[in-house]
Protein backbone atom coordinates (compact mmCIF):
# COMPACT_ATOMS: atom_id res chain seq x y z
CA MET A 1 99.46 -4.21 104.61
CA HIS A 2 102.49 -2.26 105.81
CA SER A 3 102.72 -1.67 109.57
CA VAL A 4 103.22 2.03 110.57
CA ALA A 5 104.58 3.77 113.63
CA ILE A 6 104.21 7.54 114.08
CA ILE A 7 106.73 9.13 116.48
CA GLY A 8 105.45 12.44 117.87
CA ALA A 9 101.90 11.79 116.81
CA SER A 10 100.33 14.52 119.06
CA GLY A 11 101.88 17.48 117.15
CA TYR A 12 100.36 19.05 114.07
CA ALA A 13 102.53 17.14 111.62
CA GLY A 14 101.93 13.94 113.58
CA GLN A 15 98.20 14.33 113.62
CA GLU A 16 98.09 15.27 109.94
CA THR A 17 100.21 12.19 109.09
CA LEU A 18 97.96 9.95 111.15
CA ASP A 19 94.93 11.43 109.29
CA ARG A 20 96.41 10.24 106.03
CA VAL A 21 97.62 6.92 107.31
CA VAL A 22 94.17 5.89 108.63
CA GLY A 23 92.78 6.58 105.17
CA HIS A 24 95.54 4.72 103.35
CA PRO A 25 94.43 1.32 101.91
CA GLY A 26 97.87 -0.20 102.43
CA PHE A 27 98.89 1.06 105.88
CA GLU A 28 98.01 -0.18 109.36
CA VAL A 29 98.91 1.77 112.47
CA VAL A 30 100.73 -0.41 115.08
CA ALA A 31 102.31 2.27 117.29
CA LEU A 32 101.42 5.84 118.19
CA GLY A 33 104.20 7.64 119.97
CA SER A 34 103.69 10.62 122.23
CA ASP A 35 105.49 11.27 125.55
CA SER A 36 102.74 13.67 126.65
CA LEU A 37 99.85 11.33 125.86
CA ALA A 38 101.47 7.99 126.68
CA GLY A 39 98.91 5.61 128.22
CA SER A 40 95.94 7.46 126.71
CA GLY A 41 93.61 6.25 124.03
CA ALA A 42 93.80 7.72 120.56
CA SER A 43 90.67 9.84 121.37
CA ALA A 44 92.78 11.93 123.70
CA LEU A 45 94.23 13.50 120.58
CA ASP A 46 90.88 13.79 118.70
CA VAL A 47 87.54 12.47 119.85
CA ARG A 48 86.79 11.40 116.23
CA LEU A 49 89.40 8.64 116.56
CA ASN A 50 87.76 5.36 117.43
CA GLY A 51 88.90 2.32 119.35
CA SER A 52 90.54 0.57 116.41
CA LEU A 53 93.78 2.49 116.90
CA PRO A 54 96.43 1.44 119.55
CA ARG A 55 96.85 3.54 122.72
CA PHE A 56 99.64 6.08 122.85
CA VAL A 57 103.08 4.87 124.13
CA PRO A 58 106.26 6.79 124.81
CA ASN A 59 108.12 7.80 121.65
CA GLU A 60 111.09 5.42 122.33
CA GLU A 61 108.69 2.48 122.69
CA ALA A 62 106.91 3.34 119.39
CA LEU A 63 110.29 3.68 117.63
CA ALA A 64 111.19 0.17 118.76
CA SER A 65 107.90 -1.39 117.49
CA GLY A 66 109.53 -2.92 114.42
CA ALA A 67 107.13 -1.26 112.03
CA ASP A 68 107.63 -1.48 108.27
CA LEU A 69 107.31 2.31 108.11
CA THR A 70 108.18 4.94 110.67
CA PHE A 71 107.26 8.61 110.49
CA LEU A 72 109.33 10.96 112.71
CA CYS A 73 107.26 13.95 113.62
CA LEU A 74 109.47 15.47 116.30
CA GLY A 75 111.43 18.66 116.78
CA HIS A 76 114.67 19.01 114.84
CA GLU A 77 117.13 18.40 117.62
CA ARG A 78 115.11 15.48 119.14
CA ALA A 79 114.83 13.79 115.80
CA ALA A 80 118.57 14.24 115.10
CA ALA A 81 119.42 12.43 118.34
CA LEU A 82 117.29 9.38 117.63
CA GLU A 83 118.81 6.19 116.20
CA PRO A 84 116.46 5.11 113.35
CA SER A 85 115.21 1.56 113.34
CA ALA A 86 117.51 -0.93 111.77
CA ASP A 87 114.93 -2.10 109.24
CA GLY A 88 112.01 -0.56 107.44
CA VAL A 89 111.46 2.82 105.77
CA VAL A 90 111.89 5.89 107.98
CA VAL A 91 110.51 9.31 106.86
CA ASP A 92 111.66 12.24 108.97
CA LEU A 93 109.38 15.30 108.82
CA SER A 94 111.77 17.43 110.86
CA GLY A 95 114.85 19.24 109.49
CA ALA A 96 117.26 16.94 111.30
CA HIS A 97 118.43 15.19 108.14
CA ARG A 98 117.72 17.70 105.32
CA LEU A 99 121.23 19.22 105.16
CA ALA A 100 124.03 16.93 103.96
CA ASP A 101 126.78 19.04 105.58
CA PRO A 102 126.79 18.73 109.37
CA ALA A 103 128.69 21.97 109.71
CA LEU A 104 125.50 23.84 108.67
CA TYR A 105 123.40 22.75 111.65
CA PRO A 106 124.86 25.03 114.33
CA ALA A 107 124.31 28.18 112.20
CA TRP A 108 120.89 27.26 110.83
CA TYR A 109 119.30 25.01 113.47
CA GLY A 110 121.18 26.05 116.55
CA PHE A 111 122.67 22.71 117.56
CA GLU A 112 125.61 20.50 116.68
CA HIS A 113 124.35 17.45 114.88
CA PRO A 114 124.82 14.48 117.28
CA ARG A 115 125.07 11.87 114.49
CA PRO A 116 126.97 13.63 111.65
CA GLU A 117 128.40 10.43 110.29
CA GLU A 118 124.90 9.16 109.43
CA LEU A 119 123.68 12.13 107.34
CA ALA A 120 125.04 10.60 104.16
CA GLY A 121 122.65 7.73 104.56
CA TRP A 122 119.57 9.93 104.28
CA THR A 123 118.11 11.09 100.96
CA TYR A 124 116.20 14.35 100.45
CA GLY A 125 112.80 13.29 99.09
CA LEU A 126 110.83 15.81 97.05
CA PRO A 127 108.97 13.40 94.69
CA GLU A 128 108.61 15.69 91.69
CA VAL A 129 112.25 16.83 91.76
CA SER A 130 114.35 14.30 93.70
CA PRO A 131 112.37 11.08 94.43
CA PRO A 132 113.55 9.19 97.54
CA VAL A 133 116.25 6.60 97.23
CA GLY A 134 116.82 4.04 99.97
CA ARG A 135 114.93 3.58 103.22
CA LEU A 136 115.93 6.78 105.11
CA VAL A 137 114.05 9.80 103.73
CA ALA A 138 114.38 13.40 104.82
CA ASN A 139 111.04 15.11 104.08
CA PRO A 140 111.47 18.72 102.79
CA GLY A 141 110.43 21.78 104.67
CA CYS A 142 107.20 23.55 103.67
CA TYR A 143 108.82 26.80 102.35
CA ALA A 144 111.51 24.81 100.64
CA THR A 145 108.96 22.64 98.95
CA ALA A 146 107.13 25.62 97.46
CA ALA A 147 110.30 27.41 96.40
CA ILE A 148 111.96 24.33 94.84
CA LEU A 149 108.81 23.29 92.99
CA ALA A 150 108.63 26.88 91.53
CA LEU A 151 112.29 27.15 90.66
CA ALA A 152 113.77 23.68 90.03
CA PRO A 153 112.55 23.43 86.42
CA LEU A 154 114.38 26.74 85.75
CA ALA A 155 117.62 25.93 87.52
CA GLY A 156 119.74 25.61 84.45
CA ALA A 157 118.40 28.85 82.91
CA ILE A 158 118.50 31.17 85.98
CA GLU A 159 121.04 33.94 86.21
CA SER A 160 123.07 33.50 89.37
CA GLY A 161 122.24 35.91 92.18
CA SER A 162 118.94 37.01 90.62
CA VAL A 163 116.47 34.89 92.71
CA VAL A 164 114.19 36.35 95.37
CA VAL A 165 111.71 34.19 97.21
CA ASP A 166 108.98 36.15 99.05
CA ALA A 167 106.94 33.56 101.06
CA LYS A 168 104.03 33.61 103.51
CA SER A 169 102.65 30.91 105.72
CA GLY A 170 99.83 30.31 108.12
CA VAL A 171 100.47 29.96 111.88
CA SER A 172 100.33 26.12 111.92
CA GLY A 173 103.77 26.20 110.37
CA ALA A 174 105.19 27.03 113.75
CA GLY A 175 103.79 23.81 115.31
CA ARG A 176 101.30 23.15 118.09
CA GLU A 177 103.58 24.37 120.98
CA LEU A 178 102.58 27.89 122.03
CA LYS A 179 105.01 30.65 121.24
CA PRO A 180 104.80 34.43 121.72
CA GLY A 181 104.71 34.93 117.90
CA SER A 182 101.75 32.58 117.45
CA HIS A 183 99.41 34.27 120.00
CA ALA A 184 96.13 35.40 118.45
CA GLY A 185 96.85 38.96 119.64
CA PHE A 186 100.00 39.04 117.64
CA VAL A 187 98.85 37.14 114.55
CA LEU A 188 95.35 38.39 113.87
CA GLU A 189 95.00 41.47 111.58
CA ASN A 190 98.76 41.45 111.12
CA VAL A 191 101.40 40.31 108.62
CA SER A 192 105.08 40.26 109.65
CA PRO A 193 108.39 39.02 108.28
CA TYR A 194 110.42 36.78 110.60
CA ARG A 195 113.85 35.12 110.64
CA VAL A 196 114.93 37.22 107.71
CA GLY A 197 118.32 36.04 106.56
CA SER A 198 118.37 33.24 109.20
CA HIS A 199 115.53 30.86 108.37
CA GLN A 200 116.60 27.20 108.23
CA HIS A 201 114.92 26.51 104.89
CA ALA A 202 117.36 28.93 103.10
CA PRO A 203 120.31 26.44 102.90
CA GLU A 204 117.82 23.69 102.08
CA ILE A 205 116.58 25.65 99.07
CA ALA A 206 120.15 26.50 98.04
CA GLY A 207 121.24 22.85 98.38
CA ALA A 208 118.39 21.58 96.22
CA LEU A 209 118.72 24.24 93.51
CA GLY A 210 122.49 24.59 93.44
CA TYR A 211 122.60 28.32 94.08
CA PRO A 212 121.75 30.69 96.94
CA VAL A 213 118.53 32.65 96.96
CA CYS A 214 117.26 35.68 98.83
CA PHE A 215 114.51 34.17 101.02
CA VAL A 216 112.14 36.15 103.19
CA PRO A 217 109.34 34.41 105.10
CA HIS A 218 106.26 36.10 106.55
CA LEU A 219 103.52 35.04 108.98
CA LEU A 220 99.90 35.21 107.75
CA PRO A 221 96.84 35.50 110.02
CA VAL A 222 95.43 32.13 108.77
CA ARG A 223 95.58 28.65 110.19
CA ARG A 224 97.14 26.85 107.31
CA GLY A 225 98.40 27.40 103.74
CA LEU A 226 101.58 28.82 102.23
CA ILE A 227 102.29 30.92 99.08
CA ALA A 228 105.73 31.60 97.69
CA THR A 229 106.30 34.31 95.07
CA CYS A 230 109.59 33.78 93.26
CA TYR A 231 111.38 36.34 91.11
CA ALA A 232 114.31 35.35 88.90
CA GLN A 233 116.05 36.40 85.72
CA ILE A 234 116.19 33.54 83.31
CA ASP A 235 117.31 32.68 79.81
CA GLY A 236 114.33 30.79 78.28
CA ASP A 237 110.57 30.50 78.49
CA ALA A 238 109.57 29.92 82.14
CA ARG A 239 106.14 28.58 81.34
CA ASP A 240 107.37 26.06 78.77
CA LEU A 241 109.97 24.77 81.22
CA ILE A 242 107.60 24.46 84.17
CA GLU A 243 104.74 22.88 82.21
CA ALA A 244 107.13 20.30 80.83
CA ALA A 245 108.52 19.45 84.22
CA TYR A 246 105.10 18.78 85.77
CA ALA A 247 103.18 17.45 82.79
CA GLY A 248 102.89 13.99 84.43
CA SER A 249 102.58 15.08 87.97
CA ALA A 250 99.62 13.98 90.13
CA ALA A 251 100.29 16.51 92.95
CA VAL A 252 101.55 19.63 91.16
CA ARG A 253 99.19 21.59 88.91
CA VAL A 254 100.44 24.34 86.59
CA LEU A 255 97.66 26.78 86.16
CA PRO A 256 96.68 28.23 82.79
CA GLU A 257 97.35 31.92 82.11
CA GLY A 258 94.93 34.22 83.84
CA VAL A 259 94.30 31.75 86.81
CA ALA A 260 96.05 32.68 90.06
CA PRO A 261 97.17 30.19 92.79
CA GLU A 262 94.96 30.47 95.87
CA LEU A 263 95.38 29.28 99.43
CA SER A 264 91.73 28.37 99.65
CA ARG A 265 92.06 25.71 96.94
CA VAL A 266 95.17 24.07 98.40
CA GLN A 267 94.22 24.14 102.13
CA HIS A 268 93.57 20.62 103.54
CA THR A 269 95.07 19.09 100.32
CA ASP A 270 98.34 17.44 99.38
CA GLY A 271 98.68 19.17 96.02
CA ALA A 272 100.45 22.38 94.89
CA GLU A 273 99.43 25.05 92.41
CA ILE A 274 101.88 27.01 90.32
CA GLY A 275 101.17 30.20 88.40
CA VAL A 276 103.59 31.65 85.86
CA TYR A 277 103.60 35.37 84.99
CA ASP A 278 105.66 37.77 82.83
CA GLU A 279 106.38 41.02 84.64
CA ARG A 280 106.33 43.70 81.97
CA ALA A 281 108.48 46.44 83.53
CA THR A 282 111.57 44.26 83.95
CA ALA A 283 110.81 41.34 81.64
CA ARG A 284 111.44 39.09 84.66
CA PRO A 285 109.23 36.00 85.06
CA VAL A 286 107.32 35.62 88.34
CA ILE A 287 106.48 32.09 89.57
CA VAL A 288 104.01 31.65 92.40
CA CYS A 289 103.52 28.33 94.21
CA ALA A 290 100.72 27.73 96.72
CA LEU A 291 100.36 24.69 98.94
CA ASP A 292 99.16 23.58 102.36
CA ASN A 293 102.09 23.77 104.81
CA LEU A 294 100.69 20.71 106.67
CA GLY A 295 99.76 18.82 103.50
CA LYS A 296 102.18 18.95 100.56
CA GLY A 297 104.49 20.90 102.85
CA ALA A 298 104.57 18.14 105.52
CA ALA A 299 102.36 15.12 106.05
CA GLY A 300 101.04 14.69 102.53
CA GLN A 301 104.53 14.79 101.13
CA ALA A 302 105.76 12.40 103.84
CA VAL A 303 103.11 9.86 102.81
CA GLN A 304 103.90 10.43 99.12
CA ASN A 305 107.59 9.71 99.91
CA ALA A 306 106.68 6.62 101.86
CA ASN A 307 104.61 5.29 98.98
CA LEU A 308 107.52 5.73 96.59
CA ALA A 309 110.00 4.17 99.05
CA LEU A 310 107.68 1.14 99.39
CA ASP A 311 107.08 0.88 95.63
CA LEU A 312 103.42 1.82 95.98
CA ASP A 313 101.33 4.13 93.85
CA GLU A 314 102.54 7.56 95.09
CA THR A 315 98.99 8.94 95.41
CA LEU A 316 97.65 6.37 97.87
CA GLY A 317 96.28 8.05 101.00
CA LEU A 318 96.76 11.56 99.58
CA LYS A 319 94.12 14.28 99.44
CA LEU A 320 94.25 15.41 95.81
CA THR A 321 90.69 15.54 94.59
CA GLY A 322 87.51 17.43 95.49
CA VAL A 323 86.08 20.91 95.10
CA PRO A 324 85.48 22.27 98.62
CA VAL A 325 84.08 25.79 99.05
């Protein structure tokens, strides 16, 4: 068994990570970090959690627990300031280590990176495209995961400057902390773009693909789920390239012609669906990727990365099967 510490376990990403860890046959929770719930039993987070889990402790104490595997589920700036444990695998679900160039953080994340010299020690782990290497793993963002999965197999065939990513996500993508833009009165019966031209996942997508994209995110009036519609001019057959790229993947399903990706099928799962279309008027392929922003877009992918970093079957603990209504 590998011992596990979750730092920031009381947020959405932390709770979803805990959900997968408790169902993982090779993981054992030894520390639950939460500054707001420190001293409380695990049931303070969810009454379904029984007494077999440790009580919450402050995040710094959980970080110092000496666990074999640590999940960082904190805000970007807070995670950037932490010194990772000297041993064991660390998977950071924030954006604190996704960008290799520290000069990008002020513009895209709003802060100077406090540990710029350490960024080179982190690897960007998107298992199907760039599997993690080493013990420090930066988990991709949810929008970036969908866009990269849709476009990475086409990277060598895409005409520069032709890519547009039109993406939409549920409100849980904004985290558990209440914000004006996540109030029910704003979200329900409404769809709106946000952070157009300034969303932090834009340089992440560009860094992974090797070229800039026009990326526009939108907020959907649903709890969870994300869908990214990607337009690009390419030289080659998009379906052939994408099917070849994911032929052996356990988490990414390329749908047959005539079957559309749907949020309802990927919600509460750690898989992604990709649909490939030919747009007749412009002869431009359209690639659509749907995933759960808290699953494959966060906690599920973090556990998948952890499995790979620990030389385990990458599907252990993941939610990949079932036919829920």
